[in-house]
Amino acid sequence: MPQGRITKRAVAALQCPAGKDREFLWDDGLAGFGVAAFPTGRKVYVVQYRQHGRSRRVTIGEHGRLTPDEARSQAKTILGTAETGADPIEERRKAREVRTFAAVANDFMALSAAMKCKPRTRAEYRRWLDRHLLPAFGSRRLTDIRRADVGRLHAKLAATPVEANHAIGLFRAIWNWAARRDEADKVANPAHGVERYRERGRERFLTSEELARLGDALRLAETEGLPYSVDETKPNAKHAPKPENRRVKLDPFAVAALRLLILTGARKREILDAKWEQVDFERGILFLSDSKTGRKPIYLSAAAQEALASLPRIASNPHIIAGTKEGAPRADLNKPWMAVKRAAGLEGVRLHDLRHSFASFGAGASLGLPIIGKLLGHSQPQTTARYSHLDADPLRRAVNTIGATISSAMDGKHRGVVAPLDRPRKAGV
């Protein structure tokens, strides 16, 4: 059996004799390290060792893709593993069984998110996967992904900090889910230690004056109608109604939905999907069997109950805010809200800001964050904490008391005795 130093020249000279299926050259410096030449001209590096009384051989890689020095380095690693009593072949088999991130992520969506998450959340997960995570990590084995890789993706998305934080948060969730299934080590989660970007809140709170304009616009929308404009430059503009007659009434269900959003602080879909059977007028509660945070009661003020009582009931539709399709709720409120906020001069105000405004008036009245959190259906206290700065009454009373005391003293109305300070004595005096 040929032996000698495995070098590029030696490997190039190695040929498989006619009539043989392969020819080996074994390295005389590293026992067990060799290269095999085949009749086809293909040459591969191998390592051979004995373990538990058996001779085992492992293919390292093909010559050309690996240099002799690279193959020798891998051979040392394999032989070292065998020396410890572990089986390099079994270790390689286990490594090949590690699934790609894409395979794990798809299972996460099918087996976890599909059962535990709302449809909108699942849609967001899928968007973050398709846009960011799968292009970056999809083809890589899960356990080959390192913190530096996750950090690079996070940095790449720095222009959209909220999106970046959500994408990394989803990666963390997928890894932890895989760890619970023994496919990864939870402690080694590459997303741990990746610092989140600071997110700026987008809350917008309506003032009392803006609420008055909103109320006027809603009353106008259901009585005379809201004014609309026409592009006079278009050919059909001459057939449009006269300016004083350009008004459109809104669907009473749409107007009621907008009123209920501001009067209850509920989420849009909670109001649109609500059914008459869930309303308890006697107790003043709308019981939702399901919401973003699970089962939830929405407490109805007298004004909210009045808005409900003004709505007609459609026999073939169980929903409070009936849609155009039989038996279905209204699909959305975008068009009526755009018309109302334009008439009220509330440009830039989002529909979800009605919920924030409901909470802001509660905080301003010092009702307490726990109460506001229950009214909004928050599952975590820190979610309600965003309104803490609006709970200003105790602070206002405190600053008025302090200010009055200081002002009184400065005006001479409450003079005290000013005690002279002793001069410091010199040493030895």
Protein backbone atom coordinates (compact mmCIF):
# COMPACT_ATOMS: atom_id res chain seq x y z
CA MET A 1 0.00 0.00 0.00
CA PRO A 2 1.65 3.26 -1.13
CA GLN A 3 2.73 5.67 1.59
CA GLY A 4 4.24 9.13 1.52
CA ARG A 5 3.61 12.74 2.28
CA ILE A 6 0.27 13.81 0.79
CA THR A 7 0.99 16.95 -1.19
CA LYS A 8 -0.49 18.54 -4.30
CA ARG A 9 2.23 16.98 -6.42
CA ALA A 10 1.75 13.53 -4.86
CA VAL A 11 -2.04 13.66 -5.32
CA ALA A 12 -1.65 14.80 -8.93
CA ALA A 13 0.70 11.86 -9.64
CA LEU A 14 -1.57 9.28 -8.00
CA GLN A 15 -3.36 7.09 -10.57
CA CYS A 16 -5.64 4.07 -10.28
CA PRO A 17 -4.03 1.03 -11.98
CA ALA A 18 -6.00 -0.80 -14.62
CA GLY A 19 -8.15 -3.57 -13.19
CA LYS A 20 -8.48 -1.97 -9.74
CA ASP A 21 -11.48 -0.04 -8.47
CA ARG A 22 -9.32 2.44 -6.49
CA GLU A 23 -5.80 3.19 -5.34
CA PHE A 24 -4.90 4.68 -1.93
CA LEU A 25 -2.03 6.87 -0.86
CA TRP A 26 -1.64 7.02 2.94
CA ASP A 27 0.08 9.93 4.61
CA ASP A 28 3.24 8.95 6.47
CA GLY A 29 2.94 11.92 8.84
CA LEU A 30 -0.68 11.52 10.03
CA ALA A 31 -1.73 7.93 10.54
CA GLY A 32 -5.16 7.23 9.08
CA PHE A 33 -5.17 10.15 6.64
CA GLY A 34 -5.25 9.16 2.96
CA VAL A 35 -6.42 9.93 -0.53
CA ALA A 36 -8.11 7.52 -2.95
CA ALA A 37 -7.88 7.67 -6.77
CA PHE A 38 -10.62 6.08 -8.92
CA PRO A 39 -10.55 4.85 -12.55
CA THR A 40 -12.64 7.88 -13.54
CA GLY A 41 -9.85 10.18 -12.39
CA ARG A 42 -11.82 11.36 -9.34
CA LYS A 43 -9.78 11.64 -6.14
CA VAL A 44 -11.15 11.98 -2.59
CA TYR A 45 -9.56 12.46 0.81
CA VAL A 46 -10.43 9.93 3.49
CA VAL A 47 -9.62 9.19 7.12
CA GLN A 48 -9.55 5.69 8.62
CA TYR A 49 -9.53 4.70 12.29
CA ARG A 50 -10.41 1.82 14.60
CA GLN A 51 -13.13 2.07 17.22
CA HIS A 52 -14.61 -0.65 19.40
CA GLY A 53 -12.63 -3.25 17.49
CA ARG A 54 -13.97 -2.12 14.10
CA SER A 55 -12.23 -0.33 11.25
CA ARG A 56 -14.16 2.80 10.17
CA ARG A 57 -13.55 4.99 7.14
CA VAL A 58 -14.90 8.51 6.58
CA THR A 59 -14.83 10.49 3.35
CA ILE A 60 -13.56 14.02 3.97
CA GLY A 61 -14.06 15.61 0.56
CA GLU A 62 -13.04 15.72 -3.07
CA HIS A 63 -9.61 16.84 -4.24
CA GLY A 64 -9.93 20.18 -5.98
CA ARG A 65 -12.59 21.38 -3.59
CA LEU A 66 -10.14 20.74 -0.76
CA THR A 67 -6.40 21.20 -0.71
CA PRO A 68 -4.22 18.54 0.98
CA ASP A 69 -3.64 20.89 3.94
CA GLU A 70 -7.38 21.56 4.38
CA ALA A 71 -8.13 17.84 4.20
CA ARG A 72 -5.33 17.09 6.70
CA SER A 73 -6.81 19.62 9.15
CA GLN A 74 -10.25 18.00 8.92
CA ALA A 75 -8.69 14.57 9.31
CA LYS A 76 -7.06 15.68 12.59
CA THR A 77 -10.44 16.85 13.88
CA ILE A 78 -12.11 13.54 12.99
CA LEU A 79 -9.33 11.47 14.50
CA GLY A 80 -9.43 13.62 17.64
CA THR A 81 -13.18 13.03 17.97
CA ALA A 82 -12.66 9.28 17.63
CA GLU A 83 -9.90 9.40 20.25
CA THR A 84 -12.39 10.76 22.82
CA GLY A 85 -14.66 7.76 22.29
CA ALA A 86 -17.27 9.56 20.20
CA ASP A 87 -18.20 8.20 16.79
CA PRO A 88 -17.37 10.73 14.02
CA ILE A 89 -19.68 8.93 11.59
CA GLU A 90 -22.60 9.20 14.01
CA GLU A 91 -21.78 12.86 14.65
CA ARG A 92 -21.84 13.53 10.90
CA ARG A 93 -25.17 11.74 10.55
CA LYS A 94 -26.68 13.87 13.31
CA ALA A 95 -25.31 17.01 11.70
CA ARG A 96 -26.93 16.10 8.39
CA GLU A 97 -30.26 15.66 10.19
CA VAL A 98 -30.29 19.28 11.42
CA ARG A 99 -33.04 20.96 9.45
CA THR A 100 -32.83 24.23 7.58
CA PHE A 101 -34.32 27.39 9.05
CA ALA A 102 -36.97 27.37 6.30
CA ALA A 103 -38.15 23.87 7.26
CA VAL A 104 -38.34 24.76 10.94
CA ALA A 105 -40.07 28.10 10.24
CA ASN A 106 -42.71 26.44 8.06
CA ASP A 107 -43.41 23.90 10.80
CA PHE A 108 -43.65 26.73 13.34
CA MET A 109 -46.27 28.45 11.18
CA ALA A 110 -48.26 25.25 10.64
CA LEU A 111 -48.03 23.70 14.11
CA SER A 112 -47.78 26.69 16.45
CA ALA A 113 -48.86 29.97 14.86
CA ALA A 114 -51.85 28.38 13.12
CA MET A 115 -53.29 27.27 16.47
CA LYS A 116 -52.24 30.10 18.79
CA CYS A 117 -52.23 33.28 16.70
CA LYS A 118 -54.97 35.42 15.18
CA PRO A 119 -55.23 35.53 11.37
CA ARG A 120 -53.79 39.05 11.23
CA THR A 121 -50.81 38.00 13.36
CA ARG A 122 -50.20 34.98 11.14
CA ALA A 123 -50.29 37.23 8.08
CA GLU A 124 -47.70 39.52 9.66
CA TYR A 125 -45.49 36.54 10.54
CA ARG A 126 -45.65 35.29 6.96
CA ARG A 127 -44.77 38.76 5.64
CA TRP A 128 -41.72 39.06 7.92
CA LEU A 129 -40.60 35.56 6.96
CA ASP A 130 -40.95 36.11 3.21
CA ARG A 131 -39.43 39.60 3.24
CA HIS A 132 -36.55 39.21 5.66
CA LEU A 133 -35.90 35.93 7.46
CA LEU A 134 -36.17 33.37 4.67
CA PRO A 135 -34.00 35.32 2.19
CA ALA A 136 -31.34 35.68 4.89
CA PHE A 137 -31.46 32.26 6.59
CA GLY A 138 -33.88 30.00 4.71
CA SER A 139 -31.35 27.60 3.16
CA ARG A 140 -29.03 27.49 6.17
CA ARG A 141 -29.12 24.81 8.83
CA LEU A 142 -30.80 26.18 11.93
CA THR A 143 -27.88 25.58 14.28
CA ASP A 144 -25.38 27.10 11.84
CA ILE A 145 -26.92 30.56 12.27
CA ARG A 146 -24.85 32.75 14.59
CA ARG A 147 -25.56 35.93 16.54
CA ALA A 148 -23.42 37.90 14.11
CA ASP A 149 -25.72 36.77 11.27
CA VAL A 150 -28.83 37.91 13.12
CA GLY A 151 -27.11 41.16 14.07
CA ARG A 152 -26.25 41.87 10.44
CA LEU A 153 -29.87 41.39 9.39
CA HIS A 154 -31.04 43.67 12.19
CA ALA A 155 -28.54 46.34 11.12
CA LYS A 156 -29.62 46.00 7.49
CA LEU A 157 -33.18 46.91 8.53
CA ALA A 158 -32.14 49.93 10.61
CA ALA A 159 -34.12 52.29 8.37
CA THR A 160 -37.33 50.58 9.54
CA PRO A 161 -36.68 49.98 13.26
CA VAL A 162 -40.12 48.61 14.10
CA GLU A 163 -39.94 46.13 11.22
CA ALA A 164 -36.41 45.16 12.26
CA ASN A 165 -37.47 44.49 15.85
CA HIS A 166 -40.47 42.44 14.75
CA ALA A 167 -38.39 40.31 12.37
CA ILE A 168 -35.79 39.51 15.03
CA GLY A 169 -38.54 38.86 17.56
CA LEU A 170 -40.07 36.30 15.20
CA PHE A 171 -36.66 34.65 14.71
CA ARG A 172 -36.32 34.41 18.50
CA ALA A 173 -39.77 32.82 18.78
CA ILE A 174 -39.04 30.24 16.06
CA TRP A 175 -35.72 29.28 17.65
CA ASN A 176 -37.30 28.90 21.12
CA TRP A 177 -40.08 26.78 19.63
CA ALA A 178 -37.44 24.56 17.99
CA ALA A 179 -35.58 24.35 21.32
CA ARG A 180 -38.71 23.03 23.03
CA ARG A 181 -38.68 20.27 20.42
CA ASP A 182 -34.98 19.51 21.09
CA GLU A 183 -33.88 20.80 17.69
CA ALA A 184 -31.84 23.66 19.15
CA ASP A 185 -30.35 24.93 22.39
CA LYS A 186 -32.51 27.67 23.95
CA VAL A 187 -29.52 29.22 25.72
CA ALA A 188 -27.68 29.51 22.38
CA ASN A 189 -30.49 31.49 20.69
CA PRO A 190 -28.62 33.84 18.27
CA ALA A 191 -31.27 36.55 18.75
CA HIS A 192 -30.35 36.90 22.44
CA GLY A 193 -28.17 39.94 22.93
CA VAL A 194 -29.26 41.68 19.72
CA GLU A 195 -30.32 45.07 21.07
CA ARG A 196 -33.71 46.29 19.91
CA TYR A 197 -34.00 49.63 18.17
CA ARG A 198 -35.84 52.34 20.05
CA GLU A 199 -39.36 52.66 18.69
CA ARG A 200 -41.20 55.94 18.64
CA GLY A 201 -44.83 55.68 19.67
CA ARG A 202 -47.38 56.93 17.15
CA GLU A 203 -50.17 57.68 19.63
CA ARG A 204 -52.29 60.68 18.76
CA PHE A 205 -54.80 61.95 21.32
CA LEU A 206 -57.76 64.08 20.29
CA THR A 207 -58.35 67.27 22.24
CA SER A 208 -61.78 68.33 23.53
CA GLU A 209 -62.05 70.82 20.67
CA GLU A 210 -61.19 68.12 18.10
CA LEU A 211 -63.76 65.79 19.65
CA ALA A 212 -66.38 68.52 19.25
CA ARG A 213 -65.51 68.81 15.55
CA LEU A 214 -65.68 65.01 15.22
CA GLY A 215 -69.15 64.98 16.82
CA ASP A 216 -70.35 67.73 14.46
CA ALA A 217 -69.04 65.82 11.44
CA LEU A 218 -70.78 62.59 12.52
CA ARG A 219 -74.10 64.39 13.06
CA LEU A 220 -73.75 66.06 9.66
CA ALA A 221 -72.88 62.71 8.03
CA GLU A 222 -76.18 61.12 9.13
CA THR A 223 -78.45 64.14 8.54
CA GLU A 224 -77.58 66.60 5.78
CA GLY A 225 -74.59 64.66 4.50
CA LEU A 226 -70.90 65.53 4.24
CA PRO A 227 -69.73 67.91 1.50
CA TYR A 228 -67.49 66.55 -1.20
CA SER A 229 -65.41 68.20 -3.90
CA VAL A 230 -65.31 67.63 -7.65
CA ASP A 231 -62.33 68.04 -9.97
CA GLU A 232 -63.64 70.81 -12.21
CA THR A 233 -60.96 70.10 -14.84
CA LYS A 234 -62.42 66.69 -15.73
CA PRO A 235 -64.79 66.40 -18.73
CA ASN A 236 -67.68 65.01 -16.66
CA ALA A 237 -67.45 67.76 -14.05
CA LYS A 238 -70.14 69.78 -15.85
CA HIS A 239 -72.65 67.02 -15.09
CA ALA A 240 -71.89 67.05 -11.35
CA PRO A 241 -74.40 68.56 -8.90
CA LYS A 242 -74.09 72.23 -7.99
CA PRO A 243 -71.57 72.94 -5.20
CA GLU A 244 -74.33 73.55 -2.61
CA ASN A 245 -75.83 70.15 -3.45
CA ARG A 246 -72.62 68.15 -3.30
CA ARG A 247 -73.28 66.18 -0.13
CA VAL A 248 -73.29 62.48 0.70
CA LYS A 249 -74.91 60.75 3.64
CA LEU A 250 -72.99 57.97 5.33
CA ASP A 251 -74.33 54.53 6.10
CA PRO A 252 -75.86 54.64 9.63
CA PHE A 253 -73.93 51.49 10.52
CA ALA A 254 -70.65 53.19 9.61
CA VAL A 255 -71.50 56.27 11.69
CA ALA A 256 -72.50 54.09 14.66
CA ALA A 257 -69.28 52.09 14.37
CA LEU A 258 -67.19 55.29 14.52
CA ARG A 259 -69.16 56.46 17.56
CA LEU A 260 -68.70 53.13 19.31
CA LEU A 261 -64.95 53.17 18.67
CA ILE A 262 -64.48 56.50 20.46
CA LEU A 263 -67.03 55.73 23.20
CA THR A 264 -65.66 52.29 24.13
CA GLY A 265 -61.95 52.34 23.21
CA ALA A 266 -62.49 49.01 21.44
CA ARG A 267 -60.43 47.82 18.50
CA LYS A 268 -61.89 48.17 15.00
CA ARG A 269 -62.49 44.47 14.38
CA GLU A 270 -63.96 44.03 17.84
CA ILE A 271 -66.75 46.46 16.92
CA LEU A 272 -67.17 45.32 13.31
CA ASP A 273 -67.36 41.62 14.23
CA ALA A 274 -69.61 42.08 17.29
CA LYS A 275 -73.06 40.44 17.26
CA TRP A 276 -76.36 41.44 18.86
CA GLU A 277 -76.44 38.24 20.88
CA GLN A 278 -73.30 39.42 22.70
CA VAL A 279 -74.92 42.63 23.98
CA ASP A 280 -76.28 42.69 27.54
CA PHE A 281 -78.20 45.99 27.77
CA GLU A 282 -79.24 45.32 31.35
CA ARG A 283 -75.62 45.17 32.57
CA GLY A 284 -74.29 47.52 29.89
CA ILE A 285 -71.68 45.06 28.59
CA LEU A 286 -70.74 43.69 25.17
CA PHE A 287 -69.27 40.22 25.78
CA LEU A 288 -66.76 39.20 23.10
CA SER A 289 -66.10 35.48 22.95
CA ASP A 290 -62.78 36.18 21.22
CA SER A 291 -60.52 39.17 20.65
CA LYS A 292 -56.83 39.93 20.25
CA THR A 293 -56.35 39.10 23.94
CA GLY A 294 -59.00 36.35 24.18
CA ARG A 295 -62.41 36.61 25.85
CA LYS A 296 -63.19 40.23 26.65
CA PRO A 297 -66.03 42.36 28.03
CA ILE A 298 -66.52 45.81 26.50
CA TYR A 299 -68.24 48.11 28.99
CA LEU A 300 -70.91 50.30 27.44
CA SER A 301 -71.53 53.84 28.68
CA ALA A 302 -74.98 55.40 28.37
CA ALA A 303 -73.80 57.15 25.20
CA ALA A 304 -72.56 53.87 23.71
CA GLN A 305 -75.85 52.14 24.54
CA GLU A 306 -77.71 55.00 22.88
CA ALA A 307 -75.63 54.53 19.73
CA LEU A 308 -76.51 50.82 19.74
CA ALA A 309 -80.20 51.47 20.35
CA SER A 310 -80.37 53.78 17.35
CA LEU A 311 -79.35 51.00 14.95
CA PRO A 312 -81.88 48.85 13.09
CA ARG A 313 -81.62 45.08 13.37
CA ILE A 314 -81.51 43.07 10.16
CA ALA A 315 -83.18 39.70 10.55
CA SER A 316 -80.77 37.89 8.23
CA ASN A 317 -77.63 39.44 9.76
CA PRO A 318 -76.54 38.75 13.36
CA HIS A 319 -73.87 41.49 13.34
CA ILE A 320 -74.38 44.87 14.98
CA ILE A 321 -72.52 46.66 12.17
CA ALA A 322 -74.13 44.95 9.20
CA GLY A 323 -72.32 44.76 5.88
CA THR A 324 -73.60 44.68 2.32
CA LYS A 325 -73.20 40.90 2.06
CA GLU A 326 -75.98 38.88 3.63
CA GLY A 327 -75.09 37.69 7.11
CA ALA A 328 -71.67 39.39 7.09
CA PRO A 329 -70.33 42.36 9.05
CA ARG A 330 -69.10 45.54 7.42
CA ALA A 331 -65.70 44.83 5.88
CA ASP A 332 -63.92 48.08 6.78
CA LEU A 333 -64.30 51.71 7.82
CA ASN A 334 -61.59 53.36 5.72
CA LYS A 335 -63.80 55.30 3.30
CA PRO A 336 -66.30 56.66 5.86
CA TRP A 337 -63.48 57.55 8.25
CA MET A 338 -61.60 59.43 5.53
CA ALA A 339 -64.75 61.44 4.78
CA VAL A 340 -65.49 62.19 8.44
CA LYS A 341 -61.96 63.19 9.41
CA ARG A 342 -61.70 65.43 6.32
CA ALA A 343 -64.93 67.18 7.30
CA ALA A 344 -63.75 67.47 10.93
CA GLY A 345 -60.31 68.77 9.97
CA LEU A 346 -58.52 65.83 11.57
CA GLU A 347 -55.97 65.12 8.84
CA GLY A 348 -53.28 62.72 10.01
CA VAL A 349 -55.48 61.13 12.67
CA ARG A 350 -55.70 57.35 12.32
CA LEU A 351 -58.79 55.32 13.14
CA HIS A 352 -56.84 53.56 15.91
CA ASP A 353 -56.18 56.96 17.51
CA LEU A 354 -59.82 56.95 18.66
CA ARG A 355 -58.85 54.11 21.00
CA HIS A 356 -55.84 56.09 22.26
CA SER A 357 -58.07 59.12 22.81
CA PHE A 358 -60.54 57.10 24.87
CA ALA A 359 -57.66 55.99 27.10
CA SER A 360 -56.17 59.48 27.30
CA PHE A 361 -59.38 60.98 28.72
CA GLY A 362 -59.52 58.22 31.31
CA ALA A 363 -55.92 58.84 32.31
CA GLY A 364 -56.48 62.59 32.42
CA ALA A 365 -59.39 62.02 34.81
CA SER A 366 -57.04 60.05 37.14
CA LEU A 367 -59.11 56.86 36.87
CA GLY A 368 -55.92 54.84 37.33
CA LEU A 369 -53.97 52.76 34.83
CA PRO A 370 -55.30 49.37 36.07
CA ILE A 371 -58.88 50.50 35.37
CA ILE A 372 -57.94 51.86 31.95
CA GLY A 373 -56.11 48.63 31.14
CA LYS A 374 -59.22 46.59 31.98
CA LEU A 375 -61.44 48.83 29.86
CA LEU A 376 -59.08 48.48 26.90
CA GLY A 377 -58.61 44.74 27.42
CA HIS A 378 -54.83 44.91 27.85
CA SER A 379 -53.29 41.62 28.96
CA GLN A 380 -50.02 43.24 30.08
CA PRO A 381 -49.74 46.24 32.47
CA GLN A 382 -46.80 47.66 30.49
CA THR A 383 -49.13 48.11 27.49
CA THR A 384 -51.24 50.56 29.50
CA ALA A 385 -48.15 52.30 30.89
CA ARG A 386 -47.88 54.38 27.69
CA TYR A 387 -50.70 56.56 29.10
CA SER A 388 -49.02 57.16 32.46
CA HIS A 389 -47.79 60.61 31.46
CA LEU A 390 -51.40 61.70 30.94
CA ASP A 391 -52.40 60.92 34.52
CA ALA A 392 -51.56 64.49 35.44
CA ASP A 393 -54.04 65.47 38.18
CA PRO A 394 -51.94 64.36 41.18
CA LEU A 395 -48.85 65.98 39.66
CA ARG A 396 -50.76 69.15 38.85
CA ARG A 397 -52.04 69.44 42.41
CA ALA A 398 -48.53 68.82 43.75
CA VAL A 399 -46.85 71.40 41.53
CA ASN A 400 -49.57 73.98 42.34
CA THR A 401 -49.03 73.44 46.06
CA ILE A 402 -45.26 73.76 45.77
CA GLY A 403 -45.51 76.73 43.44
CA ALA A 404 -47.95 78.56 45.71
CA THR A 405 -45.70 78.03 48.75
CA ILE A 406 -42.59 79.26 46.94
CA SER A 407 -44.41 82.23 45.40
CA SER A 408 -45.86 83.22 48.77
CA ALA A 409 -42.44 83.13 50.39
CA MET A 410 -40.87 85.15 47.59
CA ASP A 411 -43.63 87.80 47.82
CA GLY A 412 -42.90 88.28 51.52
CA LYS A 413 -46.26 86.92 52.67
CA HIS A 414 -44.61 84.20 54.72
CA ARG A 415 -41.23 85.38 55.91
CA GLY A 416 -38.98 83.17 57.90
CA VAL A 417 -35.93 84.00 60.00
CA VAL A 418 -32.76 83.97 57.97
CA ALA A 419 -29.97 82.59 60.13
CA PRO A 420 -26.49 83.93 59.36
CA LEU A 421 -23.90 81.34 58.50
CA ASP A 422 -20.86 81.03 60.73
CA ARG A 423 -17.59 81.80 59.05
CA PRO A 424 -15.25 78.84 58.97
CA ARG A 425 -12.52 79.16 61.56
CA LYS A 426 -8.94 79.17 60.54
CA ALA A 427 -6.74 76.44 61.82
CA GLY A 428 -5.17 77.31 65.13
CA VAL A 429 -7.60 80.19 65.94
